[in-house]
Amino acid sequence: MISKNKKELEKLPDQIKHEINKCLEIHHELEKFNEGETDIVALHKKLEKILDKYEV
């Protein structure tokens, strides 16, 4: 979906792109947890890092 709509996404304001990237990273980590690749402690640490990284 992202690659399909890349031109439209590039037109968005930086703050919205920032939020989309944050959500995509969180979604990726939640998928890894759901598939059993990550335990709850590791998930918590990774989510904290993502939120710190995208703190404005």
PDB file of N, CA and C in Angstrom:
ATOM      1  N   MET A   1       0.817  -1.191   0.000  1.00  0.00           N
ATOM      2  CA  MET A   1       0.000   0.000   0.000  1.00  0.00           C
ATOM      3  C   MET A   1       0.864   1.259   0.000  1.00  0.00           C
ATOM      4  N   ILE A   2       1.915   1.272   0.809  1.00  0.00           N
ATOM      5  CA  ILE A   2       2.764   2.452   0.890  1.00  0.00           C
ATOM      6  C   ILE A   2       3.432   2.734  -0.451  1.00  0.00           C
ATOM      7  N   SER A   3       4.033   1.724  -1.053  1.00  0.00           N
ATOM      8  CA  SER A   3       4.729   1.947  -2.322  1.00  0.00           C
ATOM      9  C   SER A   3       3.749   2.338  -3.428  1.00  0.00           C
ATOM     10  N   LYS A   4       2.543   1.811  -3.353  1.00  0.00           N
ATOM     11  CA  LYS A   4       1.521   2.109  -4.351  1.00  0.00           C
ATOM     12  C   LYS A   4       1.111   3.586  -4.311  1.00  0.00           C
ATOM     13  N   ASN A   5       1.100   4.178  -3.132  1.00  0.00           N
ATOM     14  CA  ASN A   5       0.657   5.565  -2.952  1.00  0.00           C
ATOM     15  C   ASN A   5       1.801   6.499  -2.570  1.00  0.00           C
ATOM     16  N   LYS A   6       3.018   6.132  -2.920  1.00  0.00           N
ATOM     17  CA  LYS A   6       4.192   6.885  -2.486  1.00  0.00           C
ATOM     18  C   LYS A   6       4.154   8.353  -2.915  1.00  0.00           C
ATOM     19  N   LYS A   7       3.753   8.631  -4.139  1.00  0.00           N
ATOM     20  CA  LYS A   7       3.727  10.024  -4.618  1.00  0.00           C
ATOM     21  C   LYS A   7       2.767  10.874  -3.791  1.00  0.00           C
ATOM     22  N   GLU A   8       1.612  10.319  -3.459  1.00  0.00           N
ATOM     23  CA  GLU A   8       0.641  11.053  -2.652  1.00  0.00           C
ATOM     24  C   GLU A   8       1.170  11.264  -1.238  1.00  0.00           C
ATOM     25  N   LEU A   9       1.833  10.236  -0.693  1.00  0.00           N
ATOM     26  CA  LEU A   9       2.369  10.344   0.660  1.00  0.00           C
ATOM     27  C   LEU A   9       3.478  11.388   0.748  1.00  0.00           C
ATOM     28  N   GLU A  10       4.277  11.509  -0.301  1.00  0.00           N
ATOM     29  CA  GLU A  10       5.364  12.489  -0.302  1.00  0.00           C
ATOM     30  C   GLU A  10       4.847  13.922  -0.254  1.00  0.00           C
ATOM     31  N   LYS A  11       3.617  14.133  -0.656  1.00  0.00           N
ATOM     32  CA  LYS A  11       3.029  15.474  -0.653  1.00  0.00           C
ATOM     33  C   LYS A  11       2.529  15.889   0.730  1.00  0.00           C
ATOM     34  N   LEU A  12       2.440  14.947   1.649  1.00  0.00           N
ATOM     35  CA  LEU A  12       1.924  15.253   2.980  1.00  0.00           C
ATOM     36  C   LEU A  12       2.904  16.123   3.765  1.00  0.00           C
ATOM     37  N   PRO A  13       2.392  16.885   4.723  1.00  0.00           N
ATOM     38  CA  PRO A  13       3.282  17.669   5.587  1.00  0.00           C
ATOM     39  C   PRO A  13       4.218  16.743   6.385  1.00  0.00           C
ATOM     40  N   ASP A  14       5.374  17.268   6.743  1.00  0.00           N
ATOM     41  CA  ASP A  14       6.370  16.466   7.457  1.00  0.00           C
ATOM     42  C   ASP A  14       5.827  15.867   8.752  1.00  0.00           C
ATOM     43  N   GLN A  15       5.026  16.614   9.488  1.00  0.00           N
ATOM     44  CA  GLN A  15       4.498  16.112  10.760  1.00  0.00           C
ATOM     45  C   GLN A  15       3.632  14.872  10.542  1.00  0.00           C
ATOM     46  N   ILE A  16       2.856  14.850   9.491  1.00  0.00           N
ATOM     47  CA  ILE A  16       2.009  13.691   9.210  1.00  0.00           C
ATOM     48  C   ILE A  16       2.870  12.511   8.777  1.00  0.00           C
ATOM     49  N   LYS A  17       3.889  12.756   7.950  1.00  0.00           N
ATOM     50  CA  LYS A  17       4.802  11.676   7.557  1.00  0.00           C
ATOM     51  C   LYS A  17       5.511  11.113   8.781  1.00  0.00           C
ATOM     52  N   HIS A  18       5.868  11.988   9.706  1.00  0.00           N
ATOM     53  CA  HIS A  18       6.506  11.602  10.960  1.00  0.00           C
ATOM     54  C   HIS A  18       5.605  10.632  11.739  1.00  0.00           C
ATOM     55  N   GLU A  19       4.342  10.975  11.859  1.00  0.00           N
ATOM     56  CA  GLU A  19       3.383  10.131  12.585  1.00  0.00           C
ATOM     57  C   GLU A  19       3.151   8.802  11.866  1.00  0.00           C
ATOM     58  N   ILE A  20       3.094   8.825  10.550  1.00  0.00           N
ATOM     59  CA  ILE A  20       2.913   7.591   9.778  1.00  0.00           C
ATOM     60  C   ILE A  20       4.091   6.656  10.002  1.00  0.00           C
ATOM     61  N   ASN A  21       5.307   7.189   9.955  1.00  0.00           N
ATOM     62  CA  ASN A  21       6.492   6.360  10.182  1.00  0.00           C
ATOM     63  C   ASN A  21       6.493   5.753  11.577  1.00  0.00           C
ATOM     64  N   LYS A  22       6.104   6.551  12.570  1.00  0.00           N
ATOM     65  CA  LYS A  22       6.032   6.052  13.945  1.00  0.00           C
ATOM     66  C   LYS A  22       5.031   4.900  14.024  1.00  0.00           C
ATOM     67  N   CYS A  23       3.871   5.083  13.448  1.00  0.00           N
ATOM     68  CA  CYS A  23       2.837   4.043  13.474  1.00  0.00           C
ATOM     69  C   CYS A  23       3.288   2.776  12.751  1.00  0.00           C
ATOM     70  N   LEU A  24       3.983   2.938  11.636  1.00  0.00           N
ATOM     71  CA  LEU A  24       4.473   1.773  10.896  1.00  0.00           C
ATOM     72  C   LEU A  24       5.498   0.990  11.708  1.00  0.00           C
ATOM     73  N   GLU A  25       6.387   1.693  12.407  1.00  0.00           N
ATOM     74  CA  GLU A  25       7.374   1.004  13.239  1.00  0.00           C
ATOM     75  C   GLU A  25       6.697   0.267  14.387  1.00  0.00           C
ATOM     76  N   ILE A  26       5.724   0.907  15.017  1.00  0.00           N
ATOM     77  CA  ILE A  26       4.988   0.265  16.108  1.00  0.00           C
ATOM     78  C   ILE A  26       4.247  -0.959  15.581  1.00  0.00           C
ATOM     79  N   HIS A  27       3.605  -0.823  14.447  1.00  0.00           N
ATOM     80  CA  HIS A  27       2.874  -1.941  13.843  1.00  0.00           C
ATOM     81  C   HIS A  27       3.810  -3.112  13.562  1.00  0.00           C
ATOM     82  N   HIS A  28       4.988  -2.817  13.042  1.00  0.00           N
ATOM     83  CA  HIS A  28       5.973  -3.860  12.743  1.00  0.00           C
ATOM     84  C   HIS A  28       6.357  -4.620  14.018  1.00  0.00           C
ATOM     85  N   GLU A  29       6.603  -3.898  15.096  1.00  0.00           N
ATOM     86  CA  GLU A  29       6.985  -4.547  16.359  1.00  0.00           C
ATOM     87  C   GLU A  29       5.828  -5.360  16.931  1.00  0.00           C
ATOM     88  N   LEU A  30       4.614  -4.864  16.808  1.00  0.00           N
ATOM     89  CA  LEU A  30       3.453  -5.613  17.297  1.00  0.00           C
ATOM     90  C   LEU A  30       3.236  -6.892  16.487  1.00  0.00           C
ATOM     91  N   GLU A  31       3.491  -6.831  15.189  1.00  0.00           N
ATOM     92  CA  GLU A  31       3.387  -8.039  14.359  1.00  0.00           C
ATOM     93  C   GLU A  31       4.415  -9.080  14.791  1.00  0.00           C
ATOM     94  N   LYS A  32       5.648  -8.634  15.061  1.00  0.00           N
ATOM     95  CA  LYS A  32       6.689  -9.557  15.518  1.00  0.00           C
ATOM     96  C   LYS A  32       6.278 -10.209  16.837  1.00  0.00           C
ATOM     97  N   PHE A  33       5.682  -9.432  17.741  1.00  0.00           N
ATOM     98  CA  PHE A  33       5.213  -9.972  19.013  1.00  0.00           C
ATOM     99  C   PHE A  33       4.088 -10.979  18.776  1.00  0.00           C
ATOM    100  N   ASN A  34       3.162 -10.635  17.916  1.00  0.00           N
ATOM    101  CA  ASN A  34       2.023 -11.501  17.610  1.00  0.00           C
ATOM    102  C   ASN A  34       2.465 -12.831  17.006  1.00  0.00           C
ATOM    103  N   GLU A  35       3.545 -12.800  16.221  1.00  0.00           N
ATOM    104  CA  GLU A  35       4.056 -14.014  15.586  1.00  0.00           C
ATOM    105  C   GLU A  35       4.984 -14.809  16.501  1.00  0.00           C
ATOM    106  N   GLY A  36       5.217 -14.315  17.709  1.00  0.00           N
ATOM    107  CA  GLY A  36       6.054 -15.026  18.662  1.00  0.00           C
ATOM    108  C   GLY A  36       7.542 -14.776  18.506  1.00  0.00           C
ATOM    109  N   GLU A  37       7.927 -13.814  17.687  1.00  0.00           N
ATOM    110  CA  GLU A  37       9.345 -13.511  17.476  1.00  0.00           C
ATOM    111  C   GLU A  37       9.925 -12.665  18.607  1.00  0.00           C
ATOM    112  N   THR A  38       9.059 -12.000  19.366  1.00  0.00           N
ATOM    113  CA  THR A  38       9.486 -11.098  20.434  1.00  0.00           C
ATOM    114  C   THR A  38       8.665 -11.391  21.680  1.00  0.00           C
ATOM    115  N   ASP A  39       9.316 -11.327  22.857  1.00  0.00           N
ATOM    116  CA  ASP A  39       8.556 -11.489  24.098  1.00  0.00           C
ATOM    117  C   ASP A  39       8.077 -10.117  24.583  1.00  0.00           C
ATOM    118  N   ILE A  40       7.264 -10.118  25.621  1.00  0.00           N
ATOM    119  CA  ILE A  40       6.625  -8.884  26.081  1.00  0.00           C
ATOM    120  C   ILE A  40       7.638  -7.874  26.608  1.00  0.00           C
ATOM    121  N   VAL A  41       8.692  -8.351  27.256  1.00  0.00           N
ATOM    122  CA  VAL A  41       9.707  -7.442  27.794  1.00  0.00           C
ATOM    123  C   VAL A  41      10.450  -6.748  26.652  1.00  0.00           C
ATOM    124  N   ALA A  42      10.842  -7.514  25.651  1.00  0.00           N
ATOM    125  CA  ALA A  42      11.536  -6.939  24.494  1.00  0.00           C
ATOM    126  C   ALA A  42      10.611  -5.983  23.741  1.00  0.00           C
ATOM    127  N   LEU A  43       9.348  -6.356  23.605  1.00  0.00           N
ATOM    128  CA  LEU A  43       8.380  -5.484  22.935  1.00  0.00           C
ATOM    129  C   LEU A  43       8.277  -4.150  23.663  1.00  0.00           C
ATOM    130  N   HIS A  44       8.183  -4.202  24.970  1.00  0.00           N
ATOM    131  CA  HIS A  44       8.080  -2.985  25.774  1.00  0.00           C
ATOM    132  C   HIS A  44       9.292  -2.083  25.550  1.00  0.00           C
ATOM    133  N   LYS A  45      10.476  -2.654  25.570  1.00  0.00           N
ATOM    134  CA  LYS A  45      11.701  -1.875  25.360  1.00  0.00           C
ATOM    135  C   LYS A  45      11.739  -1.267  23.964  1.00  0.00           C
ATOM    136  N   LYS A  46      11.354  -2.054  22.965  1.00  0.00           N
ATOM    137  CA  LYS A  46      11.374  -1.550  21.591  1.00  0.00           C
ATOM    138  C   LYS A  46      10.354  -0.435  21.393  1.00  0.00           C
ATOM    139  N   LEU A  47       9.177  -0.586  21.985  1.00  0.00           N
ATOM    140  CA  LEU A  47       8.162   0.464  21.858  1.00  0.00           C
ATOM    141  C   LEU A  47       8.612   1.751  22.547  1.00  0.00           C
ATOM    142  N   GLU A  48       9.275   1.615  23.706  1.00  0.00           N
ATOM    143  CA  GLU A  48       9.811   2.802  24.381  1.00  0.00           C
ATOM    144  C   GLU A  48      10.822   3.519  23.495  1.00  0.00           C
ATOM    145  N   LYS A  49      11.702   2.751  22.843  1.00  0.00           N
ATOM    146  CA  LYS A  49      12.711   3.349  21.962  1.00  0.00           C
ATOM    147  C   LYS A  49      12.059   4.062  20.785  1.00  0.00           C
ATOM    148  N   ILE A  50      11.035   3.438  20.220  1.00  0.00           N
ATOM    149  CA  ILE A  50      10.335   4.057  19.087  1.00  0.00           C
ATOM    150  C   ILE A  50       9.683   5.367  19.521  1.00  0.00           C
ATOM    151  N   LEU A  51       9.007   5.343  20.659  1.00  0.00           N
ATOM    152  CA  LEU A  51       8.341   6.557  21.125  1.00  0.00           C
ATOM    153  C   LEU A  51       9.352   7.652  21.450  1.00  0.00           C
ATOM    154  N   ASP A  52      10.492   7.276  22.037  1.00  0.00           N
ATOM    155  CA  ASP A  52      11.544   8.262  22.308  1.00  0.00           C
ATOM    156  C   ASP A  52      12.111   8.826  21.012  1.00  0.00           C
ATOM    157  N   LYS A  53      12.305   7.960  20.040  1.00  0.00           N
ATOM    158  CA  LYS A  53      12.868   8.363  18.748  1.00  0.00           C
ATOM    159  C   LYS A  53      11.981   9.399  18.048  1.00  0.00           C
ATOM    160  N   TYR A  54      10.676   9.221  18.147  1.00  0.00           N
ATOM    161  CA  TYR A  54       9.748  10.097  17.437  1.00  0.00           C
ATOM    162  C   TYR A  54       9.191  11.224  18.302  1.00  0.00           C
ATOM    163  N   GLU A  55       9.741  11.359  19.504  1.00  0.00           N
ATOM    164  CA  GLU A  55       9.299  12.453  20.360  1.00  0.00           C
ATOM    165  C   GLU A  55       9.691  13.776  19.716  1.00  0.00           C
ATOM    166  N   VAL A  56       8.759  14.677  19.657  1.00  0.00           N
ATOM    167  CA  VAL A  56       9.010  15.966  18.989  1.00  0.00           C
ATOM    168  C   VAL A  56       9.532  16.972  19.988  1.00  0.00           C
TER     169      VAL A  56
END
